Amino acid sequence: MGYDSALGHGADGGPRDCVAKEDRMDRKTYVQRFARLQQEMKQAKVDLVLFADREDLIYYTGMTNFDCLSMVIPAEGEPHIV
């Protein structure tokens, strides 16, 4: 699952239906946030980050309407919602 599919964009580049309209942020914001995090992870020699707390999930996904969600972010590659 790549940035687009994990973060609320469908294969056509448009928003996915499962993400409420008010929860969507633009793709550029997503990519910048993940790129900055991954850069810091590499500098700190951290291979993987797991977010399960609501505040981080809101910041990195833009979604606010969820009950149970976590996200795995590798130092290289694409994030995954689990």
Protein backbone atom coordinates (compact mmCIF):
# COMPACT_ATOMS: atom_id res chain seq x y z
CA MET A 1 0.00 0.00 0.00
CA GLY A 2 1.57 3.27 -1.05
CA TYR A 3 1.21 6.89 -0.07
CA ASP A 4 -1.81 7.27 -2.30
CA SER A 5 -3.70 4.20 -1.15
CA ALA A 6 -2.70 4.47 2.52
CA LEU A 7 -3.43 8.15 2.77
CA GLY A 8 -6.80 8.67 1.26
CA HIS A 9 -6.14 8.93 -2.47
CA GLY A 10 -7.52 6.48 -4.98
CA ALA A 11 -5.67 5.03 -7.96
CA ASP A 12 -6.91 7.95 -10.09
CA GLY A 13 -5.33 10.49 -7.70
CA GLY A 14 -8.67 11.59 -6.33
CA PRO A 15 -9.75 11.19 -2.70
CA ARG A 16 -10.87 7.76 -1.55
CA ASP A 17 -14.52 7.42 -0.60
CA CYS A 18 -13.68 5.95 2.82
CA VAL A 19 -12.09 9.20 3.97
CA ALA A 20 -14.59 11.87 4.95
CA LYS A 21 -14.32 15.00 2.83
CA GLU A 22 -13.51 17.17 5.84
CA ASP A 23 -10.68 14.79 6.81
CA ARG A 24 -8.77 15.07 3.54
CA MET A 25 -5.60 17.09 3.16
CA ASP A 26 -3.73 17.64 -0.05
CA ARG A 27 -1.20 15.07 -1.25
CA LYS A 28 1.71 17.55 -1.07
CA THR A 29 1.15 17.96 2.69
CA TYR A 30 1.14 14.18 3.20
CA VAL A 31 4.31 13.67 1.22
CA GLN A 32 6.14 16.51 2.99
CA ARG A 33 5.23 15.23 6.45
CA PHE A 34 6.33 11.68 5.70
CA ALA A 35 9.52 12.81 3.95
CA ARG A 36 10.48 14.96 6.95
CA LEU A 37 9.76 12.12 9.38
CA GLN A 38 11.71 9.61 7.30
CA GLN A 39 14.68 11.97 7.08
CA GLU A 40 14.70 12.34 10.87
CA MET A 41 14.37 8.58 11.28
CA LYS A 42 17.42 7.98 9.07
CA GLN A 43 19.45 10.55 11.00
CA ALA A 44 18.50 8.86 14.28
CA LYS A 45 19.09 5.39 12.78
CA VAL A 46 15.49 4.33 13.45
CA ASP A 47 14.20 1.68 11.05
CA LEU A 48 10.48 1.77 11.78
CA VAL A 49 7.89 3.90 13.56
CA LEU A 50 4.48 2.66 14.69
CA PHE A 51 1.79 5.23 15.40
CA ALA A 52 -1.30 4.15 17.29
CA ASP A 53 -2.13 7.34 19.18
CA ARG A 54 -4.88 9.54 17.81
CA GLU A 55 -2.92 12.81 17.61
CA ASP A 56 -0.13 11.37 15.45
CA LEU A 57 -2.61 9.54 13.25
CA ILE A 58 -4.57 12.74 12.67
CA TYR A 59 -1.37 14.64 11.85
CA TYR A 60 -0.03 12.03 9.42
CA THR A 61 -3.29 10.89 7.78
CA GLY A 62 -5.56 13.91 8.04
CA MET A 63 -8.35 11.58 9.14
CA THR A 64 -10.33 12.31 12.28
CA ASN A 65 -13.19 9.85 11.90
CA PHE A 66 -11.74 6.50 12.99
CA ASP A 67 -12.10 4.16 15.95
CA CYS A 68 -9.17 1.80 15.69
CA LEU A 69 -6.21 2.50 13.44
CA SER A 70 -2.44 2.28 13.44
CA MET A 71 0.22 3.20 10.93
CA VAL A 72 3.65 1.71 10.28
CA ILE A 73 6.21 3.99 8.69
CA PRO A 74 9.57 2.59 7.56
CA ALA A 75 12.67 4.79 7.28
CA GLU A 76 12.59 4.04 3.55
CA GLY A 77 9.56 3.22 1.49
CA GLU A 78 5.89 3.85 1.88
CA PRO A 79 3.69 3.98 5.01
CA HIS A 80 1.12 1.28 5.75
CA ILE A 81 -2.14 1.53 7.62
CA VAL A 82 -2.78 -1.59 9.70
